[in-house]
């Protein structure tokens, strides 16, 4: 069994498999083919892969492997029918990628579709591992761009008040952001559309911002549901009012398969104090702040707005290591008797069956398509692709 590791596109510093994963993969019978230079941008040179038993090859040779491991989806037209590709395809936002995989006869395994509520899938959950790091990095970026220190300081020259952080959303990224800001010495306020999140927020040192009419707006997949415009407005008004005197505002609101909702309108930015910093963690899907410019850091109305699209890529060594662990744990589940086989009864692959507490109508597992056909459990996606 050959596993190919590709050099990611320009602008992506991470790599899908790191050298320390090779021993585990080798024990399962994988021969790992690494495109020359694939890990250089995340500080994993070719020599480290070779020392762990990988073969350094050209891109064409890596692309010929039985299973391709990637972060971004490569050009499926350069693959052969029957090849497996494990990557983050984001199929609902990029249905053209699914069509390309279908046309090429590629078996597309989209790791962002992992059924995250399954306990055995948690070690393969690339969304959680990367979001966790993104939340951490967002706080550091916010801290680096404000013109004051974070913790309270008592000095002979006077007392410095701690910086105030407002974290909008308390999923994986939000909770890590809260914990990181608290460790730096900030005073942290946090919101979420799930009322049940209050306990989680407080457990990591945050102060919960409750909004009138709040309920558990979470779907059966564990993602936030789309909200009514009226409730979104109420959340915006309440949280942005708390953020008026904040030093750092971090937005984390992301809806599965849809553009990011606007949680910080222009009117709110105008009300924030001069020198405040907004870190928009969803610039890659449109942004939560109305004034975010994806890929840019801009100043509007005296407020710095950070719209970096790939926060985990800024800490590429650690992000690659965690992604590699996720992907390695997944890859070894595909091995049966020394061969690559898809178990079409595996809930991770095809989603939980109807009647299970983890069943989600119209949403399958990581298997998107094979043999030119979308898997039958991905009926919601089929409606988007077709």
Protein backbone atom coordinates (compact mmCIF):
# COMPACT_ATOMS: atom_id res chain seq x y z
CA UNK A 1 0.00 0.00 0.00
CA UNK A 2 1.43 3.35 -1.04
CA UNK A 3 0.48 6.59 0.69
CA UNK A 4 1.38 9.82 -1.10
CA UNK A 5 2.09 13.09 0.72
CA UNK A 6 1.86 16.23 -1.40
CA UNK A 7 3.41 19.68 -1.27
CA UNK A 8 0.49 21.98 -0.50
CA UNK A 9 -0.31 25.05 -2.65
CA UNK A 10 1.46 28.38 -2.18
CA UNK A 11 0.19 30.11 0.95
CA UNK A 12 -0.29 26.87 2.88
CA UNK A 13 2.56 26.13 5.27
CA UNK A 14 1.17 22.90 6.72
CA UNK A 15 1.80 19.35 5.51
CA UNK A 16 -0.63 16.44 5.82
CA UNK A 17 1.75 13.83 7.25
CA UNK A 18 4.79 14.54 9.46
CA UNK A 19 7.84 12.28 9.95
CA UNK A 20 6.81 11.04 13.39
CA UNK A 21 3.69 9.43 11.90
CA UNK A 22 5.71 7.20 9.58
CA UNK A 23 6.47 4.52 12.14
CA UNK A 24 2.79 3.97 12.86
CA UNK A 25 1.94 3.95 9.17
CA UNK A 26 4.78 1.58 8.41
CA UNK A 27 3.58 -0.92 10.99
CA UNK A 28 0.28 -1.09 9.11
CA UNK A 29 2.07 -1.80 5.84
CA UNK A 30 2.15 1.63 4.22
CA UNK A 31 5.02 2.71 1.99
CA UNK A 32 5.04 6.50 2.28
CA UNK A 33 5.96 8.56 -0.78
CA UNK A 34 6.66 12.20 0.08
CA UNK A 35 6.86 14.87 -2.60
CA UNK A 36 10.22 16.60 -2.29
CA UNK A 37 9.89 19.73 -0.15
CA UNK A 38 6.40 18.87 1.14
CA UNK A 39 7.26 19.53 4.77
CA UNK A 40 9.87 22.28 4.44
CA UNK A 41 7.48 25.16 5.19
CA UNK A 42 6.45 23.49 8.47
CA UNK A 43 10.06 22.70 9.43
CA UNK A 44 10.02 19.06 8.38
CA UNK A 45 12.81 18.75 5.78
CA UNK A 46 13.13 15.80 3.41
CA UNK A 47 15.96 14.39 5.53
CA UNK A 48 13.62 13.90 8.49
CA UNK A 49 11.19 11.93 6.35
CA UNK A 50 13.99 9.80 4.95
CA UNK A 51 15.34 9.08 8.43
CA UNK A 52 11.92 7.68 9.34
CA UNK A 53 11.71 5.46 6.26
CA UNK A 54 9.84 7.59 3.71
CA UNK A 55 10.81 7.76 0.06
CA UNK A 56 11.31 11.28 -1.35
CA UNK A 57 9.81 11.45 -4.83
CA UNK A 58 8.54 13.77 -7.53
CA UNK A 59 4.99 15.12 -7.42
CA UNK A 60 3.91 12.81 -10.22
CA UNK A 61 5.14 9.75 -8.32
CA UNK A 62 3.50 10.89 -5.07
CA UNK A 63 0.27 11.52 -7.01
CA UNK A 64 0.29 7.90 -8.22
CA UNK A 65 -0.08 6.45 -4.70
CA UNK A 66 -3.06 4.30 -3.74
CA UNK A 67 -4.04 6.79 -1.04
CA UNK A 68 -3.24 10.49 -1.22
CA UNK A 69 -2.99 12.50 2.00
CA UNK A 70 -3.49 16.24 1.65
CA UNK A 71 -4.93 19.30 3.33
CA UNK A 72 -6.18 21.12 0.25
CA UNK A 73 -7.74 19.07 -2.51
CA UNK A 74 -5.33 18.61 -5.44
CA UNK A 75 -6.40 18.55 -9.08
CA UNK A 76 -8.44 15.36 -9.34
CA UNK A 77 -8.02 15.25 -13.11
CA UNK A 78 -4.39 14.21 -12.59
CA UNK A 79 -5.48 11.17 -10.55
CA UNK A 80 -6.53 7.72 -11.72
CA UNK A 81 -9.91 6.00 -11.29
CA UNK A 82 -10.08 4.12 -8.00
CA UNK A 83 -7.46 6.18 -6.20
CA UNK A 84 -8.37 7.35 -2.70
CA UNK A 85 -7.93 10.95 -1.66
CA UNK A 86 -8.20 12.08 1.98
CA UNK A 87 -8.23 15.88 2.34
CA UNK A 88 -10.39 18.81 3.46
CA UNK A 89 -12.63 19.23 0.41
CA UNK A 90 -15.31 21.46 2.05
CA UNK A 91 -17.81 19.92 -0.39
CA UNK A 92 -20.88 22.00 0.46
CA UNK A 93 -19.05 25.27 -0.24
CA UNK A 94 -17.11 23.81 -3.18
CA UNK A 95 -19.39 21.39 -5.03
CA UNK A 96 -17.17 21.77 -8.12
CA UNK A 97 -14.53 19.73 -6.27
CA UNK A 98 -16.98 16.87 -5.90
CA UNK A 99 -17.85 17.04 -9.58
CA UNK A 100 -14.14 16.89 -10.44
CA UNK A 101 -13.63 13.83 -8.24
CA UNK A 102 -16.67 12.14 -9.75
CA UNK A 103 -15.48 12.83 -13.29
CA UNK A 104 -12.08 11.31 -12.47
CA UNK A 105 -13.55 8.26 -10.72
CA UNK A 106 -11.66 9.17 -7.54
CA UNK A 107 -12.78 7.98 -4.11
CA UNK A 108 -13.02 11.27 -2.22
CA UNK A 109 -12.78 11.17 1.56
CA UNK A 110 -13.40 14.65 2.98
CA UNK A 111 -11.99 14.83 6.50
CA UNK A 112 -14.05 17.90 7.42
CA UNK A 113 -17.15 15.66 7.16
CA UNK A 114 -16.04 13.45 10.05
CA UNK A 115 -19.04 12.57 12.28
CA UNK A 116 -17.61 14.45 15.23
CA UNK A 117 -20.05 13.08 17.82
CA UNK A 118 -18.82 9.51 17.40
CA UNK A 119 -16.34 8.79 20.19
CA UNK A 120 -14.04 6.75 17.94
CA UNK A 121 -13.98 9.58 15.38
CA UNK A 122 -12.59 12.14 17.80
CA UNK A 123 -8.98 11.09 17.24
CA UNK A 124 -9.57 11.72 13.50
CA UNK A 125 -11.39 15.05 13.84
CA UNK A 126 -9.33 17.54 11.86
CA UNK A 127 -11.90 20.28 12.45
CA UNK A 128 -11.38 20.18 16.21
CA UNK A 129 -7.59 19.90 16.11
CA UNK A 130 -7.19 22.83 13.72
CA UNK A 131 -9.91 24.99 15.30
CA UNK A 132 -8.27 24.55 18.69
CA UNK A 133 -5.01 25.97 17.36
CA UNK A 134 -6.80 28.72 15.46
CA UNK A 135 -8.45 29.91 18.69
CA UNK A 136 -5.08 30.04 20.40
CA UNK A 137 -3.42 31.92 17.55
CA UNK A 138 -6.31 34.39 17.27
CA UNK A 139 -5.72 35.54 20.83
CA UNK A 140 -1.99 35.94 20.27
CA UNK A 141 -2.63 38.00 17.14
CA UNK A 142 -5.11 40.19 18.96
CA UNK A 143 -2.69 40.67 21.83
CA UNK A 144 0.12 41.58 19.43
CA UNK A 145 -1.93 44.34 17.78
CA UNK A 146 -3.27 46.23 20.81
CA UNK A 147 -1.22 49.04 22.32
CA UNK A 148 -1.44 47.90 25.94
CA UNK A 149 -0.38 44.98 28.11
CA UNK A 150 -2.80 42.15 28.86
CA UNK A 151 -2.56 41.41 32.62
CA UNK A 152 -3.23 43.77 35.50
CA UNK A 153 -0.01 45.33 36.78
CA UNK A 154 0.59 47.21 39.99
CA UNK A 155 3.66 49.37 39.73
CA UNK A 156 5.17 52.38 41.50
CA UNK A 157 4.02 54.43 38.52
CA UNK A 158 0.41 53.32 38.87
CA UNK A 159 -1.92 50.39 38.31
CA UNK A 160 -2.63 49.02 34.85
CA UNK A 161 -6.05 47.50 34.33
CA UNK A 162 -6.22 44.12 32.58
CA UNK A 163 -7.20 44.01 28.91
CA UNK A 164 -10.78 43.06 28.11
CA UNK A 165 -11.47 40.31 25.61
CA UNK A 166 -14.84 39.45 24.09
CA UNK A 167 -15.06 36.05 22.40
CA UNK A 168 -18.08 35.60 20.15
CA UNK A 169 -18.84 31.89 20.16
CA UNK A 170 -17.61 29.07 22.38
CA UNK A 171 -17.11 26.05 20.20
CA UNK A 172 -13.69 24.40 20.08
CA UNK A 173 -11.99 27.57 18.78
CA UNK A 174 -13.85 29.86 21.16
CA UNK A 175 -13.10 27.83 24.27
CA UNK A 176 -9.41 27.73 23.44
CA UNK A 177 -9.48 31.49 22.81
CA UNK A 178 -11.14 32.07 26.18
CA UNK A 179 -8.61 29.88 27.99
CA UNK A 180 -5.65 31.48 26.22
CA UNK A 181 -6.82 35.05 26.90
CA UNK A 182 -7.41 34.15 30.53
CA UNK A 183 -3.93 32.64 30.87
CA UNK A 184 -2.46 35.87 29.46
CA UNK A 185 -4.20 37.75 32.25
CA UNK A 186 -7.15 39.24 30.39
CA UNK A 187 -10.71 39.66 31.60
CA UNK A 188 -12.75 37.51 29.24
CA UNK A 189 -16.43 37.74 28.25
CA UNK A 190 -17.89 35.15 25.89
CA UNK A 191 -21.16 34.41 24.13
CA UNK A 192 -22.73 31.49 22.33
CA UNK A 193 -26.08 30.65 20.74
CA UNK A 194 -26.23 27.59 23.00
CA UNK A 195 -27.43 28.42 26.50
CA UNK A 196 -25.80 25.20 27.67
CA UNK A 197 -22.42 26.72 26.76
CA UNK A 198 -22.47 28.92 29.87
CA UNK A 199 -20.96 26.19 32.05
CA UNK A 200 -18.21 25.46 29.49
CA UNK A 201 -17.33 29.13 29.20
CA UNK A 202 -17.10 29.58 32.95
CA UNK A 203 -15.03 26.40 33.35
CA UNK A 204 -12.19 27.93 31.31
CA UNK A 205 -12.35 31.34 32.99
CA UNK A 206 -14.84 33.29 30.89
CA UNK A 207 -17.91 35.29 31.88
CA UNK A 208 -21.01 34.24 29.95
CA UNK A 209 -22.96 36.87 27.99
CA UNK A 210 -26.59 35.74 28.00
CA UNK A 211 -28.97 36.93 25.31
CA UNK A 212 -32.71 37.11 25.88
CA UNK A 213 -34.50 34.27 24.08
CA UNK A 214 -31.37 32.13 23.91
CA UNK A 215 -31.83 28.38 23.49
CA UNK A 216 -29.68 25.50 22.30
CA UNK A 217 -29.35 26.43 18.64
CA UNK A 218 -27.38 23.35 17.69
CA UNK A 219 -28.19 20.83 14.97
CA UNK A 220 -27.98 17.06 15.19
CA UNK A 221 -24.46 17.13 13.71
CA UNK A 222 -23.14 19.24 16.57
CA UNK A 223 -22.85 22.44 14.51
CA UNK A 224 -24.65 25.74 15.05
CA UNK A 225 -28.01 26.04 13.29
CA UNK A 226 -28.84 28.95 10.99
CA UNK A 227 -30.59 31.58 13.12
CA UNK A 228 -33.49 33.88 12.37
CA UNK A 229 -32.54 37.43 11.36
CA UNK A 230 -34.38 38.72 14.44
CA UNK A 231 -32.35 36.61 16.84
CA UNK A 232 -29.09 37.38 15.06
CA UNK A 233 -29.86 41.07 15.52
CA UNK A 234 -30.57 40.54 19.22
CA UNK A 235 -27.28 38.67 19.67
CA UNK A 236 -25.39 41.34 17.74
CA UNK A 237 -26.88 44.12 19.81
CA UNK A 238 -26.24 42.42 23.17
CA UNK A 239 -22.72 41.16 22.55
CA UNK A 240 -21.53 44.22 20.66
CA UNK A 241 -22.76 46.40 23.53
CA UNK A 242 -20.53 44.39 25.90
CA UNK A 243 -17.69 44.78 23.40
CA UNK A 244 -17.88 48.59 23.19
CA UNK A 245 -15.01 48.99 25.67
CA UNK A 246 -13.18 45.76 24.79
CA UNK A 247 -9.57 45.72 23.70
CA UNK A 248 -9.82 42.52 21.64
CA UNK A 249 -12.92 41.04 20.01
CA UNK A 250 -12.63 37.56 18.49
CA UNK A 251 -15.37 36.21 16.25
CA UNK A 252 -15.80 32.46 15.79
CA UNK A 253 -19.33 31.99 14.39
CA UNK A 254 -19.28 29.39 11.61
CA UNK A 255 -22.28 27.55 10.14
CA UNK A 256 -21.72 24.18 8.52
CA UNK A 257 -21.59 24.49 4.74
CA UNK A 258 -22.71 28.12 4.63
CA UNK A 259 -21.16 31.58 4.52
CA UNK A 260 -20.23 33.00 7.90
CA UNK A 261 -23.01 35.02 9.58
CA UNK A 262 -22.39 38.72 10.21
CA UNK A 263 -22.05 39.14 13.98
CA UNK A 264 -20.18 42.47 13.96
CA UNK A 265 -21.90 44.96 11.64
CA UNK A 266 -20.33 48.24 10.59
CA UNK A 267 -22.43 50.12 13.15
CA UNK A 268 -20.87 48.04 15.93
CA UNK A 269 -17.33 48.70 14.70
CA UNK A 270 -18.12 52.42 14.78
CA UNK A 271 -19.09 52.09 18.44
CA UNK A 272 -15.91 50.24 19.50
CA UNK A 273 -13.17 52.21 21.19
CA UNK A 274 -10.15 53.51 19.28
CA UNK A 275 -7.32 51.00 19.27
CA UNK A 276 -9.56 47.95 19.65
CA UNK A 277 -8.72 44.86 17.59
CA UNK A 278 -11.13 42.45 15.90
CA UNK A 279 -9.77 39.04 14.94
CA UNK A 280 -12.21 37.51 12.46
CA UNK A 281 -11.65 33.76 12.49
CA UNK A 282 -13.97 33.17 9.55
CA UNK A 283 -12.48 35.44 6.91
CA UNK A 284 -12.06 32.39 4.67
CA UNK A 285 -15.84 31.95 4.41
CA UNK A 286 -16.86 35.59 4.14
CA UNK A 287 -16.13 36.85 7.63
CA UNK A 288 -18.20 37.61 10.73
CA UNK A 289 -17.34 41.29 10.65
CA UNK A 290 -18.97 43.32 7.90
CA UNK A 291 -15.73 45.23 7.33
CA UNK A 292 -13.39 42.23 7.21
CA UNK A 293 -11.22 42.00 4.12
CA UNK A 294 -10.19 38.35 3.66
CA UNK A 295 -6.44 37.94 3.79
CA UNK A 296 -5.88 41.52 4.98
CA UNK A 297 -5.30 43.48 8.17
CA UNK A 298 -7.09 46.82 7.90
CA UNK A 299 -8.01 49.75 10.13
CA UNK A 300 -11.58 51.03 10.01
CA UNK A 301 -13.05 53.67 12.35
CA UNK A 302 -9.94 53.41 14.54
CA UNK A 303 -10.35 49.62 14.92
CA UNK A 304 -7.84 47.09 13.55
CA UNK A 305 -9.61 44.21 11.78
CA UNK A 306 -7.56 41.05 11.20
CA UNK A 307 -8.89 38.84 8.40
CA UNK A 308 -6.16 36.19 8.15
CA UNK A 309 -7.71 33.22 6.34
CA UNK A 310 -5.56 30.36 7.65
CA UNK A 311 -4.67 30.82 11.31
CA UNK A 312 -3.47 27.23 11.87
CA UNK A 313 -1.06 27.73 8.97
CA UNK A 314 0.72 30.39 11.04
CA UNK A 315 1.75 27.72 13.54
CA UNK A 316 2.39 25.14 10.86
CA UNK A 317 4.67 22.75 12.73
CA UNK A 318 2.16 22.03 15.51
CA UNK A 319 -0.85 22.22 13.20
CA UNK A 320 0.75 19.71 10.83
CA UNK A 321 1.57 17.36 13.68
CA UNK A 322 -2.02 17.30 14.91
CA UNK A 323 -3.47 17.01 11.41
CA UNK A 324 -1.04 14.18 10.71
CA UNK A 325 -2.16 12.36 13.86
CA UNK A 326 -5.79 12.73 12.76
CA UNK A 327 -5.08 11.48 9.26
CA UNK A 328 -2.87 8.62 10.41
CA UNK A 329 -5.53 7.40 12.82
CA UNK A 330 -7.99 7.48 9.94
CA UNK A 331 -5.70 5.84 7.38
CA UNK A 332 -5.02 2.79 9.52
CA UNK A 333 -8.77 2.12 9.79
CA UNK A 334 -8.76 1.63 6.01
CA UNK A 335 -6.32 -1.29 6.22
CA UNK A 336 -7.76 -4.79 6.13
CA UNK A 337 -5.47 -7.76 5.63
CA UNK A 338 -2.67 -5.65 4.25
CA UNK A 339 -4.90 -3.97 1.67
CA UNK A 340 -6.84 -0.71 1.45
CA UNK A 341 -10.56 -1.35 1.79
CA UNK A 342 -13.50 0.91 2.53
CA UNK A 343 -15.83 -0.60 5.12
CA UNK A 344 -19.21 0.63 3.93
CA UNK A 345 -20.71 -0.33 7.28
CA UNK A 346 -18.34 1.95 9.20
CA UNK A 347 -20.14 4.96 10.68
CA UNK A 348 -17.05 7.14 10.18
CA UNK A 349 -17.04 6.31 6.48
CA UNK A 350 -20.77 6.50 5.68
CA UNK A 351 -22.43 8.07 8.72
CA UNK A 352 -24.52 6.52 11.47
CA UNK A 353 -27.46 4.36 10.37
CA UNK A 354 -31.05 5.47 10.70
CA UNK A 355 -32.29 4.76 14.22
CA UNK A 356 -28.93 5.53 15.81
CA UNK A 357 -28.72 8.48 18.21
CA UNK A 358 -25.95 9.82 15.95
CA UNK A 359 -27.96 9.55 12.73
CA UNK A 360 -28.23 12.77 10.70
CA UNK A 361 -30.70 12.71 7.83
CA UNK A 362 -29.05 13.38 4.48
CA UNK A 363 -25.52 13.60 5.91
CA UNK A 364 -23.11 10.70 5.68
CA UNK A 365 -19.53 10.32 6.83
CA UNK A 366 -16.23 11.18 5.19
CA UNK A 367 -16.98 9.22 2.00
CA UNK A 368 -18.22 11.75 -0.53
CA UNK A 369 -18.07 9.81 -3.79
CA UNK A 370 -16.57 6.71 -5.38
CA UNK A 371 -16.80 5.25 -8.84
CA UNK A 372 -18.19 8.52 -10.17
CA UNK A 373 -21.21 8.49 -7.83
CA UNK A 374 -22.01 10.44 -4.66
CA UNK A 375 -22.64 8.09 -1.76
CA UNK A 376 -26.33 7.55 -1.13
CA UNK A 377 -26.11 8.85 2.44
CA UNK A 378 -24.95 12.25 1.17
CA UNK A 379 -28.35 13.23 -0.20
CA UNK A 380 -28.10 16.84 1.03
CA UNK A 381 -24.79 17.23 -0.74
CA UNK A 382 -26.15 15.56 -3.88
CA UNK A 383 -28.81 18.28 -4.03
CA UNK A 384 -26.07 20.92 -3.99
CA UNK A 385 -23.75 19.18 -6.46
CA UNK A 386 -26.47 18.29 -8.94
